[in-house]
Amino acid sequence: MLSGGLLRLPDQRLVFGESMERFI
């Protein structure tokens, strides 16, 4: 999931990459 540019951590924080910036 992280390699795809989006990951939700167990504490609900959201990790995102450049490919997902326009959606967030």
PDBML (XML) file of the C-alpha atoms, coordinates in Angstrom:
<?xml version="1.0" encoding="UTF-8" ?>
<PDBx:datablock datablockName="MODEL"
   xmlns:PDBx="http://pdbml.pdb.org/schema/pdbx-v50.xsd"
   xmlns:xsi="http://www.w3.org/2001/XMLSchema-instance"
   xsi:schemaLocation="http://pdbml.pdb.org/schema/pdbx-v50.xsd pdbx-v50.xsd">
   <PDBx:atom_siteCategory>
      <PDBx:atom_site id="1">
         <PDBx:B_iso_or_equiv>0.00</PDBx:B_iso_or_equiv>
         <PDBx:Cartn_x>0.000</PDBx:Cartn_x>
         <PDBx:Cartn_y>0.000</PDBx:Cartn_y>
         <PDBx:Cartn_z>0.000</PDBx:Cartn_z>
         <PDBx:auth_asym_id>A</PDBx:auth_asym_id>
         <PDBx:auth_atom_id>CA</PDBx:auth_atom_id>
         <PDBx:auth_comp_id>MET</PDBx:auth_comp_id>
         <PDBx:auth_seq_id>1</PDBx:auth_seq_id>
         <PDBx:group_PDB>ATOM</PDBx:group_PDB>
         <PDBx:label_alt_id xsi:nil="true" />
         <PDBx:label_asym_id>A</PDBx:label_asym_id>
         <PDBx:label_atom_id>CA</PDBx:label_atom_id>
         <PDBx:label_comp_id>MET</PDBx:label_comp_id>
         <PDBx:label_entity_id>1</PDBx:label_entity_id>
         <PDBx:label_seq_id>1</PDBx:label_seq_id>
         <PDBx:occupancy>1.00</PDBx:occupancy>
         <PDBx:pdbx_PDB_model_num>1</PDBx:pdbx_PDB_model_num>
         <PDBx:type_symbol>C</PDBx:type_symbol>
      </PDBx:atom_site>
      <PDBx:atom_site id="2">
         <PDBx:B_iso_or_equiv>0.00</PDBx:B_iso_or_equiv>
         <PDBx:Cartn_x>2.833</PDBx:Cartn_x>
         <PDBx:Cartn_y>2.397</PDBx:Cartn_y>
         <PDBx:Cartn_z>0.846</PDBx:Cartn_z>
         <PDBx:auth_asym_id>A</PDBx:auth_asym_id>
         <PDBx:auth_atom_id>CA</PDBx:auth_atom_id>
         <PDBx:auth_comp_id>LEU</PDBx:auth_comp_id>
         <PDBx:auth_seq_id>2</PDBx:auth_seq_id>
         <PDBx:group_PDB>ATOM</PDBx:group_PDB>
         <PDBx:label_alt_id xsi:nil="true" />
         <PDBx:label_asym_id>A</PDBx:label_asym_id>
         <PDBx:label_atom_id>CA</PDBx:label_atom_id>
         <PDBx:label_comp_id>LEU</PDBx:label_comp_id>
         <PDBx:label_entity_id>1</PDBx:label_entity_id>
         <PDBx:label_seq_id>2</PDBx:label_seq_id>
         <PDBx:occupancy>1.00</PDBx:occupancy>
         <PDBx:pdbx_PDB_model_num>1</PDBx:pdbx_PDB_model_num>
         <PDBx:type_symbol>C</PDBx:type_symbol>
      </PDBx:atom_site>
      <PDBx:atom_site id="3">
         <PDBx:B_iso_or_equiv>0.00</PDBx:B_iso_or_equiv>
         <PDBx:Cartn_x>4.447</PDBx:Cartn_x>
         <PDBx:Cartn_y>1.745</PDBx:Cartn_y>
         <PDBx:Cartn_z>-2.533</PDBx:Cartn_z>
         <PDBx:auth_asym_id>A</PDBx:auth_asym_id>
         <PDBx:auth_atom_id>CA</PDBx:auth_atom_id>
         <PDBx:auth_comp_id>SER</PDBx:auth_comp_id>
         <PDBx:auth_seq_id>3</PDBx:auth_seq_id>
         <PDBx:group_PDB>ATOM</PDBx:group_PDB>
         <PDBx:label_alt_id xsi:nil="true" />
         <PDBx:label_asym_id>A</PDBx:label_asym_id>
         <PDBx:label_atom_id>CA</PDBx:label_atom_id>
         <PDBx:label_comp_id>SER</PDBx:label_comp_id>
         <PDBx:label_entity_id>1</PDBx:label_entity_id>
         <PDBx:label_seq_id>3</PDBx:label_seq_id>
         <PDBx:occupancy>1.00</PDBx:occupancy>
         <PDBx:pdbx_PDB_model_num>1</PDBx:pdbx_PDB_model_num>
         <PDBx:type_symbol>C</PDBx:type_symbol>
      </PDBx:atom_site>
      <PDBx:atom_site id="4">
         <PDBx:B_iso_or_equiv>0.00</PDBx:B_iso_or_equiv>
         <PDBx:Cartn_x>1.127</PDBx:Cartn_x>
         <PDBx:Cartn_y>2.736</PDBx:Cartn_y>
         <PDBx:Cartn_z>-4.099</PDBx:Cartn_z>
         <PDBx:auth_asym_id>A</PDBx:auth_asym_id>
         <PDBx:auth_atom_id>CA</PDBx:auth_atom_id>
         <PDBx:auth_comp_id>GLY</PDBx:auth_comp_id>
         <PDBx:auth_seq_id>4</PDBx:auth_seq_id>
         <PDBx:group_PDB>ATOM</PDBx:group_PDB>
         <PDBx:label_alt_id xsi:nil="true" />
         <PDBx:label_asym_id>A</PDBx:label_asym_id>
         <PDBx:label_atom_id>CA</PDBx:label_atom_id>
         <PDBx:label_comp_id>GLY</PDBx:label_comp_id>
         <PDBx:label_entity_id>1</PDBx:label_entity_id>
         <PDBx:label_seq_id>4</PDBx:label_seq_id>
         <PDBx:occupancy>1.00</PDBx:occupancy>
         <PDBx:pdbx_PDB_model_num>1</PDBx:pdbx_PDB_model_num>
         <PDBx:type_symbol>C</PDBx:type_symbol>
      </PDBx:atom_site>
      <PDBx:atom_site id="5">
         <PDBx:B_iso_or_equiv>0.00</PDBx:B_iso_or_equiv>
         <PDBx:Cartn_x>1.334</PDBx:Cartn_x>
         <PDBx:Cartn_y>6.161</PDBx:Cartn_y>
         <PDBx:Cartn_z>-2.463</PDBx:Cartn_z>
         <PDBx:auth_asym_id>A</PDBx:auth_asym_id>
         <PDBx:auth_atom_id>CA</PDBx:auth_atom_id>
         <PDBx:auth_comp_id>GLY</PDBx:auth_comp_id>
         <PDBx:auth_seq_id>5</PDBx:auth_seq_id>
         <PDBx:group_PDB>ATOM</PDBx:group_PDB>
         <PDBx:label_alt_id xsi:nil="true" />
         <PDBx:label_asym_id>A</PDBx:label_asym_id>
         <PDBx:label_atom_id>CA</PDBx:label_atom_id>
         <PDBx:label_comp_id>GLY</PDBx:label_comp_id>
         <PDBx:label_entity_id>1</PDBx:label_entity_id>
         <PDBx:label_seq_id>5</PDBx:label_seq_id>
         <PDBx:occupancy>1.00</PDBx:occupancy>
         <PDBx:pdbx_PDB_model_num>1</PDBx:pdbx_PDB_model_num>
         <PDBx:type_symbol>C</PDBx:type_symbol>
      </PDBx:atom_site>
      <PDBx:atom_site id="6">
         <PDBx:B_iso_or_equiv>0.00</PDBx:B_iso_or_equiv>
         <PDBx:Cartn_x>-1.311</PDBx:Cartn_x>
         <PDBx:Cartn_y>5.836</PDBx:Cartn_y>
         <PDBx:Cartn_z>0.247</PDBx:Cartn_z>
         <PDBx:auth_asym_id>A</PDBx:auth_asym_id>
         <PDBx:auth_atom_id>CA</PDBx:auth_atom_id>
         <PDBx:auth_comp_id>LEU</PDBx:auth_comp_id>
         <PDBx:auth_seq_id>6</PDBx:auth_seq_id>
         <PDBx:group_PDB>ATOM</PDBx:group_PDB>
         <PDBx:label_alt_id xsi:nil="true" />
         <PDBx:label_asym_id>A</PDBx:label_asym_id>
         <PDBx:label_atom_id>CA</PDBx:label_atom_id>
         <PDBx:label_comp_id>LEU</PDBx:label_comp_id>
         <PDBx:label_entity_id>1</PDBx:label_entity_id>
         <PDBx:label_seq_id>6</PDBx:label_seq_id>
         <PDBx:occupancy>1.00</PDBx:occupancy>
         <PDBx:pdbx_PDB_model_num>1</PDBx:pdbx_PDB_model_num>
         <PDBx:type_symbol>C</PDBx:type_symbol>
      </PDBx:atom_site>
      <PDBx:atom_site id="7">
         <PDBx:B_iso_or_equiv>0.00</PDBx:B_iso_or_equiv>
         <PDBx:Cartn_x>-1.219</PDBx:Cartn_x>
         <PDBx:Cartn_y>4.251</PDBx:Cartn_y>
         <PDBx:Cartn_z>3.709</PDBx:Cartn_z>
         <PDBx:auth_asym_id>A</PDBx:auth_asym_id>
         <PDBx:auth_atom_id>CA</PDBx:auth_atom_id>
         <PDBx:auth_comp_id>LEU</PDBx:auth_comp_id>
         <PDBx:auth_seq_id>7</PDBx:auth_seq_id>
         <PDBx:group_PDB>ATOM</PDBx:group_PDB>
         <PDBx:label_alt_id xsi:nil="true" />
         <PDBx:label_asym_id>A</PDBx:label_asym_id>
         <PDBx:label_atom_id>CA</PDBx:label_atom_id>
         <PDBx:label_comp_id>LEU</PDBx:label_comp_id>
         <PDBx:label_entity_id>1</PDBx:label_entity_id>
         <PDBx:label_seq_id>7</PDBx:label_seq_id>
         <PDBx:occupancy>1.00</PDBx:occupancy>
         <PDBx:pdbx_PDB_model_num>1</PDBx:pdbx_PDB_model_num>
         <PDBx:type_symbol>C</PDBx:type_symbol>
      </PDBx:atom_site>
      <PDBx:atom_site id="8">
         <PDBx:B_iso_or_equiv>0.00</PDBx:B_iso_or_equiv>
         <PDBx:Cartn_x>-3.492</PDBx:Cartn_x>
         <PDBx:Cartn_y>4.598</PDBx:Cartn_y>
         <PDBx:Cartn_z>6.734</PDBx:Cartn_z>
         <PDBx:auth_asym_id>A</PDBx:auth_asym_id>
         <PDBx:auth_atom_id>CA</PDBx:auth_atom_id>
         <PDBx:auth_comp_id>ARG</PDBx:auth_comp_id>
         <PDBx:auth_seq_id>8</PDBx:auth_seq_id>
         <PDBx:group_PDB>ATOM</PDBx:group_PDB>
         <PDBx:label_alt_id xsi:nil="true" />
         <PDBx:label_asym_id>A</PDBx:label_asym_id>
         <PDBx:label_atom_id>CA</PDBx:label_atom_id>
         <PDBx:label_comp_id>ARG</PDBx:label_comp_id>
         <PDBx:label_entity_id>1</PDBx:label_entity_id>
         <PDBx:label_seq_id>8</PDBx:label_seq_id>
         <PDBx:occupancy>1.00</PDBx:occupancy>
         <PDBx:pdbx_PDB_model_num>1</PDBx:pdbx_PDB_model_num>
         <PDBx:type_symbol>C</PDBx:type_symbol>
      </PDBx:atom_site>
      <PDBx:atom_site id="9">
         <PDBx:B_iso_or_equiv>0.00</PDBx:B_iso_or_equiv>
         <PDBx:Cartn_x>-1.587</PDBx:Cartn_x>
         <PDBx:Cartn_y>4.015</PDBx:Cartn_y>
         <PDBx:Cartn_z>9.989</PDBx:Cartn_z>
         <PDBx:auth_asym_id>A</PDBx:auth_asym_id>
         <PDBx:auth_atom_id>CA</PDBx:auth_atom_id>
         <PDBx:auth_comp_id>LEU</PDBx:auth_comp_id>
         <PDBx:auth_seq_id>9</PDBx:auth_seq_id>
         <PDBx:group_PDB>ATOM</PDBx:group_PDB>
         <PDBx:label_alt_id xsi:nil="true" />
         <PDBx:label_asym_id>A</PDBx:label_asym_id>
         <PDBx:label_atom_id>CA</PDBx:label_atom_id>
         <PDBx:label_comp_id>LEU</PDBx:label_comp_id>
         <PDBx:label_entity_id>1</PDBx:label_entity_id>
         <PDBx:label_seq_id>9</PDBx:label_seq_id>
         <PDBx:occupancy>1.00</PDBx:occupancy>
         <PDBx:pdbx_PDB_model_num>1</PDBx:pdbx_PDB_model_num>
         <PDBx:type_symbol>C</PDBx:type_symbol>
      </PDBx:atom_site>
      <PDBx:atom_site id="10">
         <PDBx:B_iso_or_equiv>0.00</PDBx:B_iso_or_equiv>
         <PDBx:Cartn_x>-3.196</PDBx:Cartn_x>
         <PDBx:Cartn_y>2.226</PDBx:Cartn_y>
         <PDBx:Cartn_z>12.975</PDBx:Cartn_z>
         <PDBx:auth_asym_id>A</PDBx:auth_asym_id>
         <PDBx:auth_atom_id>CA</PDBx:auth_atom_id>
         <PDBx:auth_comp_id>PRO</PDBx:auth_comp_id>
         <PDBx:auth_seq_id>10</PDBx:auth_seq_id>
         <PDBx:group_PDB>ATOM</PDBx:group_PDB>
         <PDBx:label_alt_id xsi:nil="true" />
         <PDBx:label_asym_id>A</PDBx:label_asym_id>
         <PDBx:label_atom_id>CA</PDBx:label_atom_id>
         <PDBx:label_comp_id>PRO</PDBx:label_comp_id>
         <PDBx:label_entity_id>1</PDBx:label_entity_id>
         <PDBx:label_seq_id>10</PDBx:label_seq_id>
         <PDBx:occupancy>1.00</PDBx:occupancy>
         <PDBx:pdbx_PDB_model_num>1</PDBx:pdbx_PDB_model_num>
         <PDBx:type_symbol>C</PDBx:type_symbol>
      </PDBx:atom_site>
      <PDBx:atom_site id="11">
         <PDBx:B_iso_or_equiv>0.00</PDBx:B_iso_or_equiv>
         <PDBx:Cartn_x>-3.552</PDBx:Cartn_x>
         <PDBx:Cartn_y>5.586</PDBx:Cartn_y>
         <PDBx:Cartn_z>14.790</PDBx:Cartn_z>
         <PDBx:auth_asym_id>A</PDBx:auth_asym_id>
         <PDBx:auth_atom_id>CA</PDBx:auth_atom_id>
         <PDBx:auth_comp_id>ASP</PDBx:auth_comp_id>
         <PDBx:auth_seq_id>11</PDBx:auth_seq_id>
         <PDBx:group_PDB>ATOM</PDBx:group_PDB>
         <PDBx:label_alt_id xsi:nil="true" />
         <PDBx:label_asym_id>A</PDBx:label_asym_id>
         <PDBx:label_atom_id>CA</PDBx:label_atom_id>
         <PDBx:label_comp_id>ASP</PDBx:label_comp_id>
         <PDBx:label_entity_id>1</PDBx:label_entity_id>
         <PDBx:label_seq_id>11</PDBx:label_seq_id>
         <PDBx:occupancy>1.00</PDBx:occupancy>
         <PDBx:pdbx_PDB_model_num>1</PDBx:pdbx_PDB_model_num>
         <PDBx:type_symbol>C</PDBx:type_symbol>
      </PDBx:atom_site>
      <PDBx:atom_site id="12">
         <PDBx:B_iso_or_equiv>0.00</PDBx:B_iso_or_equiv>
         <PDBx:Cartn_x>-5.591</PDBx:Cartn_x>
         <PDBx:Cartn_y>6.849</PDBx:Cartn_y>
         <PDBx:Cartn_z>11.779</PDBx:Cartn_z>
         <PDBx:auth_asym_id>A</PDBx:auth_asym_id>
         <PDBx:auth_atom_id>CA</PDBx:auth_atom_id>
         <PDBx:auth_comp_id>GLN</PDBx:auth_comp_id>
         <PDBx:auth_seq_id>12</PDBx:auth_seq_id>
         <PDBx:group_PDB>ATOM</PDBx:group_PDB>
         <PDBx:label_alt_id xsi:nil="true" />
         <PDBx:label_asym_id>A</PDBx:label_asym_id>
         <PDBx:label_atom_id>CA</PDBx:label_atom_id>
         <PDBx:label_comp_id>GLN</PDBx:label_comp_id>
         <PDBx:label_entity_id>1</PDBx:label_entity_id>
         <PDBx:label_seq_id>12</PDBx:label_seq_id>
         <PDBx:occupancy>1.00</PDBx:occupancy>
         <PDBx:pdbx_PDB_model_num>1</PDBx:pdbx_PDB_model_num>
         <PDBx:type_symbol>C</PDBx:type_symbol>
      </PDBx:atom_site>
      <PDBx:atom_site id="13">
         <PDBx:B_iso_or_equiv>0.00</PDBx:B_iso_or_equiv>
         <PDBx:Cartn_x>-2.903</PDBx:Cartn_x>
         <PDBx:Cartn_y>9.174</PDBx:Cartn_y>
         <PDBx:Cartn_z>10.403</PDBx:Cartn_z>
         <PDBx:auth_asym_id>A</PDBx:auth_asym_id>
         <PDBx:auth_atom_id>CA</PDBx:auth_atom_id>
         <PDBx:auth_comp_id>ARG</PDBx:auth_comp_id>
         <PDBx:auth_seq_id>13</PDBx:auth_seq_id>
         <PDBx:group_PDB>ATOM</PDBx:group_PDB>
         <PDBx:label_alt_id xsi:nil="true" />
         <PDBx:label_asym_id>A</PDBx:label_asym_id>
         <PDBx:label_atom_id>CA</PDBx:label_atom_id>
         <PDBx:label_comp_id>ARG</PDBx:label_comp_id>
         <PDBx:label_entity_id>1</PDBx:label_entity_id>
         <PDBx:label_seq_id>13</PDBx:label_seq_id>
         <PDBx:occupancy>1.00</PDBx:occupancy>
         <PDBx:pdbx_PDB_model_num>1</PDBx:pdbx_PDB_model_num>
         <PDBx:type_symbol>C</PDBx:type_symbol>
      </PDBx:atom_site>
      <PDBx:atom_site id="14">
         <PDBx:B_iso_or_equiv>0.00</PDBx:B_iso_or_equiv>
         <PDBx:Cartn_x>-2.739</PDBx:Cartn_x>
         <PDBx:Cartn_y>9.124</PDBx:Cartn_y>
         <PDBx:Cartn_z>6.615</PDBx:Cartn_z>
         <PDBx:auth_asym_id>A</PDBx:auth_asym_id>
         <PDBx:auth_atom_id>CA</PDBx:auth_atom_id>
         <PDBx:auth_comp_id>LEU</PDBx:auth_comp_id>
         <PDBx:auth_seq_id>14</PDBx:auth_seq_id>
         <PDBx:group_PDB>ATOM</PDBx:group_PDB>
         <PDBx:label_alt_id xsi:nil="true" />
         <PDBx:label_asym_id>A</PDBx:label_asym_id>
         <PDBx:label_atom_id>CA</PDBx:label_atom_id>
         <PDBx:label_comp_id>LEU</PDBx:label_comp_id>
         <PDBx:label_entity_id>1</PDBx:label_entity_id>
         <PDBx:label_seq_id>14</PDBx:label_seq_id>
         <PDBx:occupancy>1.00</PDBx:occupancy>
         <PDBx:pdbx_PDB_model_num>1</PDBx:pdbx_PDB_model_num>
         <PDBx:type_symbol>C</PDBx:type_symbol>
      </PDBx:atom_site>
      <PDBx:atom_site id="15">
         <PDBx:B_iso_or_equiv>0.00</PDBx:B_iso_or_equiv>
         <PDBx:Cartn_x>0.535</PDBx:Cartn_x>
         <PDBx:Cartn_y>8.837</PDBx:Cartn_y>
         <PDBx:Cartn_z>4.696</PDBx:Cartn_z>
         <PDBx:auth_asym_id>A</PDBx:auth_asym_id>
         <PDBx:auth_atom_id>CA</PDBx:auth_atom_id>
         <PDBx:auth_comp_id>VAL</PDBx:auth_comp_id>
         <PDBx:auth_seq_id>15</PDBx:auth_seq_id>
         <PDBx:group_PDB>ATOM</PDBx:group_PDB>
         <PDBx:label_alt_id xsi:nil="true" />
         <PDBx:label_asym_id>A</PDBx:label_asym_id>
         <PDBx:label_atom_id>CA</PDBx:label_atom_id>
         <PDBx:label_comp_id>VAL</PDBx:label_comp_id>
         <PDBx:label_entity_id>1</PDBx:label_entity_id>
         <PDBx:label_seq_id>15</PDBx:label_seq_id>
         <PDBx:occupancy>1.00</PDBx:occupancy>
         <PDBx:pdbx_PDB_model_num>1</PDBx:pdbx_PDB_model_num>
         <PDBx:type_symbol>C</PDBx:type_symbol>
      </PDBx:atom_site>
      <PDBx:atom_site id="16">
         <PDBx:B_iso_or_equiv>0.00</PDBx:B_iso_or_equiv>
         <PDBx:Cartn_x>0.289</PDBx:Cartn_x>
         <PDBx:Cartn_y>9.969</PDBx:Cartn_y>
         <PDBx:Cartn_z>1.085</PDBx:Cartn_z>
         <PDBx:auth_asym_id>A</PDBx:auth_asym_id>
         <PDBx:auth_atom_id>CA</PDBx:auth_atom_id>
         <PDBx:auth_comp_id>PHE</PDBx:auth_comp_id>
         <PDBx:auth_seq_id>16</PDBx:auth_seq_id>
         <PDBx:group_PDB>ATOM</PDBx:group_PDB>
         <PDBx:label_alt_id xsi:nil="true" />
         <PDBx:label_asym_id>A</PDBx:label_asym_id>
         <PDBx:label_atom_id>CA</PDBx:label_atom_id>
         <PDBx:label_comp_id>PHE</PDBx:label_comp_id>
         <PDBx:label_entity_id>1</PDBx:label_entity_id>
         <PDBx:label_seq_id>16</PDBx:label_seq_id>
         <PDBx:occupancy>1.00</PDBx:occupancy>
         <PDBx:pdbx_PDB_model_num>1</PDBx:pdbx_PDB_model_num>
         <PDBx:type_symbol>C</PDBx:type_symbol>
      </PDBx:atom_site>
      <PDBx:atom_site id="17">
         <PDBx:B_iso_or_equiv>0.00</PDBx:B_iso_or_equiv>
         <PDBx:Cartn_x>2.561</PDBx:Cartn_x>
         <PDBx:Cartn_y>10.515</PDBx:Cartn_y>
         <PDBx:Cartn_z>-1.877</PDBx:Cartn_z>
         <PDBx:auth_asym_id>A</PDBx:auth_asym_id>
         <PDBx:auth_atom_id>CA</PDBx:auth_atom_id>
         <PDBx:auth_comp_id>GLY</PDBx:auth_comp_id>
         <PDBx:auth_seq_id>17</PDBx:auth_seq_id>
         <PDBx:group_PDB>ATOM</PDBx:group_PDB>
         <PDBx:label_alt_id xsi:nil="true" />
         <PDBx:label_asym_id>A</PDBx:label_asym_id>
         <PDBx:label_atom_id>CA</PDBx:label_atom_id>
         <PDBx:label_comp_id>GLY</PDBx:label_comp_id>
         <PDBx:label_entity_id>1</PDBx:label_entity_id>
         <PDBx:label_seq_id>17</PDBx:label_seq_id>
         <PDBx:occupancy>1.00</PDBx:occupancy>
         <PDBx:pdbx_PDB_model_num>1</PDBx:pdbx_PDB_model_num>
         <PDBx:type_symbol>C</PDBx:type_symbol>
      </PDBx:atom_site>
      <PDBx:atom_site id="18">
         <PDBx:B_iso_or_equiv>0.00</PDBx:B_iso_or_equiv>
         <PDBx:Cartn_x>2.558</PDBx:Cartn_x>
         <PDBx:Cartn_y>12.899</PDBx:Cartn_y>
         <PDBx:Cartn_z>-4.822</PDBx:Cartn_z>
         <PDBx:auth_asym_id>A</PDBx:auth_asym_id>
         <PDBx:auth_atom_id>CA</PDBx:auth_atom_id>
         <PDBx:auth_comp_id>GLU</PDBx:auth_comp_id>
         <PDBx:auth_seq_id>18</PDBx:auth_seq_id>
         <PDBx:group_PDB>ATOM</PDBx:group_PDB>
         <PDBx:label_alt_id xsi:nil="true" />
         <PDBx:label_asym_id>A</PDBx:label_asym_id>
         <PDBx:label_atom_id>CA</PDBx:label_atom_id>
         <PDBx:label_comp_id>GLU</PDBx:label_comp_id>
         <PDBx:label_entity_id>1</PDBx:label_entity_id>
         <PDBx:label_seq_id>18</PDBx:label_seq_id>
         <PDBx:occupancy>1.00</PDBx:occupancy>
         <PDBx:pdbx_PDB_model_num>1</PDBx:pdbx_PDB_model_num>
         <PDBx:type_symbol>C</PDBx:type_symbol>
      </PDBx:atom_site>
      <PDBx:atom_site id="19">
         <PDBx:B_iso_or_equiv>0.00</PDBx:B_iso_or_equiv>
         <PDBx:Cartn_x>0.260</PDBx:Cartn_x>
         <PDBx:Cartn_y>10.648</PDBx:Cartn_y>
         <PDBx:Cartn_z>-6.826</PDBx:Cartn_z>
         <PDBx:auth_asym_id>A</PDBx:auth_asym_id>
         <PDBx:auth_atom_id>CA</PDBx:auth_atom_id>
         <PDBx:auth_comp_id>SER</PDBx:auth_comp_id>
         <PDBx:auth_seq_id>19</PDBx:auth_seq_id>
         <PDBx:group_PDB>ATOM</PDBx:group_PDB>
         <PDBx:label_alt_id xsi:nil="true" />
         <PDBx:label_asym_id>A</PDBx:label_asym_id>
         <PDBx:label_atom_id>CA</PDBx:label_atom_id>
         <PDBx:label_comp_id>SER</PDBx:label_comp_id>
         <PDBx:label_entity_id>1</PDBx:label_entity_id>
         <PDBx:label_seq_id>19</PDBx:label_seq_id>
         <PDBx:occupancy>1.00</PDBx:occupancy>
         <PDBx:pdbx_PDB_model_num>1</PDBx:pdbx_PDB_model_num>
         <PDBx:type_symbol>C</PDBx:type_symbol>
      </PDBx:atom_site>
      <PDBx:atom_site id="20">
         <PDBx:B_iso_or_equiv>0.00</PDBx:B_iso_or_equiv>
         <PDBx:Cartn_x>-2.505</PDBx:Cartn_x>
         <PDBx:Cartn_y>11.121</PDBx:Cartn_y>
         <PDBx:Cartn_z>-4.224</PDBx:Cartn_z>
         <PDBx:auth_asym_id>A</PDBx:auth_asym_id>
         <PDBx:auth_atom_id>CA</PDBx:auth_atom_id>
         <PDBx:auth_comp_id>MET</PDBx:auth_comp_id>
         <PDBx:auth_seq_id>20</PDBx:auth_seq_id>
         <PDBx:group_PDB>ATOM</PDBx:group_PDB>
         <PDBx:label_alt_id xsi:nil="true" />
         <PDBx:label_asym_id>A</PDBx:label_asym_id>
         <PDBx:label_atom_id>CA</PDBx:label_atom_id>
         <PDBx:label_comp_id>MET</PDBx:label_comp_id>
         <PDBx:label_entity_id>1</PDBx:label_entity_id>
         <PDBx:label_seq_id>20</PDBx:label_seq_id>
         <PDBx:occupancy>1.00</PDBx:occupancy>
         <PDBx:pdbx_PDB_model_num>1</PDBx:pdbx_PDB_model_num>
         <PDBx:type_symbol>C</PDBx:type_symbol>
      </PDBx:atom_site>
      <PDBx:atom_site id="21">
         <PDBx:B_iso_or_equiv>0.00</PDBx:B_iso_or_equiv>
         <PDBx:Cartn_x>-2.088</PDBx:Cartn_x>
         <PDBx:Cartn_y>14.858</PDBx:Cartn_y>
         <PDBx:Cartn_z>-3.476</PDBx:Cartn_z>
         <PDBx:auth_asym_id>A</PDBx:auth_asym_id>
         <PDBx:auth_atom_id>CA</PDBx:auth_atom_id>
         <PDBx:auth_comp_id>GLU</PDBx:auth_comp_id>
         <PDBx:auth_seq_id>21</PDBx:auth_seq_id>
         <PDBx:group_PDB>ATOM</PDBx:group_PDB>
         <PDBx:label_alt_id xsi:nil="true" />
         <PDBx:label_asym_id>A</PDBx:label_asym_id>
         <PDBx:label_atom_id>CA</PDBx:label_atom_id>
         <PDBx:label_comp_id>GLU</PDBx:label_comp_id>
         <PDBx:label_entity_id>1</PDBx:label_entity_id>
         <PDBx:label_seq_id>21</PDBx:label_seq_id>
         <PDBx:occupancy>1.00</PDBx:occupancy>
         <PDBx:pdbx_PDB_model_num>1</PDBx:pdbx_PDB_model_num>
         <PDBx:type_symbol>C</PDBx:type_symbol>
      </PDBx:atom_site>
      <PDBx:atom_site id="22">
         <PDBx:B_iso_or_equiv>0.00</PDBx:B_iso_or_equiv>
         <PDBx:Cartn_x>-4.910</PDBx:Cartn_x>
         <PDBx:Cartn_y>15.938</PDBx:Cartn_y>
         <PDBx:Cartn_z>-5.762</PDBx:Cartn_z>
         <PDBx:auth_asym_id>A</PDBx:auth_asym_id>
         <PDBx:auth_atom_id>CA</PDBx:auth_atom_id>
         <PDBx:auth_comp_id>ARG</PDBx:auth_comp_id>
         <PDBx:auth_seq_id>22</PDBx:auth_seq_id>
         <PDBx:group_PDB>ATOM</PDBx:group_PDB>
         <PDBx:label_alt_id xsi:nil="true" />
         <PDBx:label_asym_id>A</PDBx:label_asym_id>
         <PDBx:label_atom_id>CA</PDBx:label_atom_id>
         <PDBx:label_comp_id>ARG</PDBx:label_comp_id>
         <PDBx:label_entity_id>1</PDBx:label_entity_id>
         <PDBx:label_seq_id>22</PDBx:label_seq_id>
         <PDBx:occupancy>1.00</PDBx:occupancy>
         <PDBx:pdbx_PDB_model_num>1</PDBx:pdbx_PDB_model_num>
         <PDBx:type_symbol>C</PDBx:type_symbol>
      </PDBx:atom_site>
      <PDBx:atom_site id="23">
         <PDBx:B_iso_or_equiv>0.00</PDBx:B_iso_or_equiv>
         <PDBx:Cartn_x>-7.393</PDBx:Cartn_x>
         <PDBx:Cartn_y>13.678</PDBx:Cartn_y>
         <PDBx:Cartn_z>-3.922</PDBx:Cartn_z>
         <PDBx:auth_asym_id>A</PDBx:auth_asym_id>
         <PDBx:auth_atom_id>CA</PDBx:auth_atom_id>
         <PDBx:auth_comp_id>PHE</PDBx:auth_comp_id>
         <PDBx:auth_seq_id>23</PDBx:auth_seq_id>
         <PDBx:group_PDB>ATOM</PDBx:group_PDB>
         <PDBx:label_alt_id xsi:nil="true" />
         <PDBx:label_asym_id>A</PDBx:label_asym_id>
         <PDBx:label_atom_id>CA</PDBx:label_atom_id>
         <PDBx:label_comp_id>PHE</PDBx:label_comp_id>
         <PDBx:label_entity_id>1</PDBx:label_entity_id>
         <PDBx:label_seq_id>23</PDBx:label_seq_id>
         <PDBx:occupancy>1.00</PDBx:occupancy>
         <PDBx:pdbx_PDB_model_num>1</PDBx:pdbx_PDB_model_num>
         <PDBx:type_symbol>C</PDBx:type_symbol>
      </PDBx:atom_site>
      <PDBx:atom_site id="24">
         <PDBx:B_iso_or_equiv>0.00</PDBx:B_iso_or_equiv>
         <PDBx:Cartn_x>-6.499</PDBx:Cartn_x>
         <PDBx:Cartn_y>14.797</PDBx:Cartn_y>
         <PDBx:Cartn_z>-0.381</PDBx:Cartn_z>
         <PDBx:auth_asym_id>A</PDBx:auth_asym_id>
         <PDBx:auth_atom_id>CA</PDBx:auth_atom_id>
         <PDBx:auth_comp_id>ILE</PDBx:auth_comp_id>
         <PDBx:auth_seq_id>24</PDBx:auth_seq_id>
         <PDBx:group_PDB>ATOM</PDBx:group_PDB>
         <PDBx:label_alt_id xsi:nil="true" />
         <PDBx:label_asym_id>A</PDBx:label_asym_id>
         <PDBx:label_atom_id>CA</PDBx:label_atom_id>
         <PDBx:label_comp_id>ILE</PDBx:label_comp_id>
         <PDBx:label_entity_id>1</PDBx:label_entity_id>
         <PDBx:label_seq_id>24</PDBx:label_seq_id>
         <PDBx:occupancy>1.00</PDBx:occupancy>
         <PDBx:pdbx_PDB_model_num>1</PDBx:pdbx_PDB_model_num>
         <PDBx:type_symbol>C</PDBx:type_symbol>
      </PDBx:atom_site>
   </PDBx:atom_siteCategory>
</PDBx:datablock>
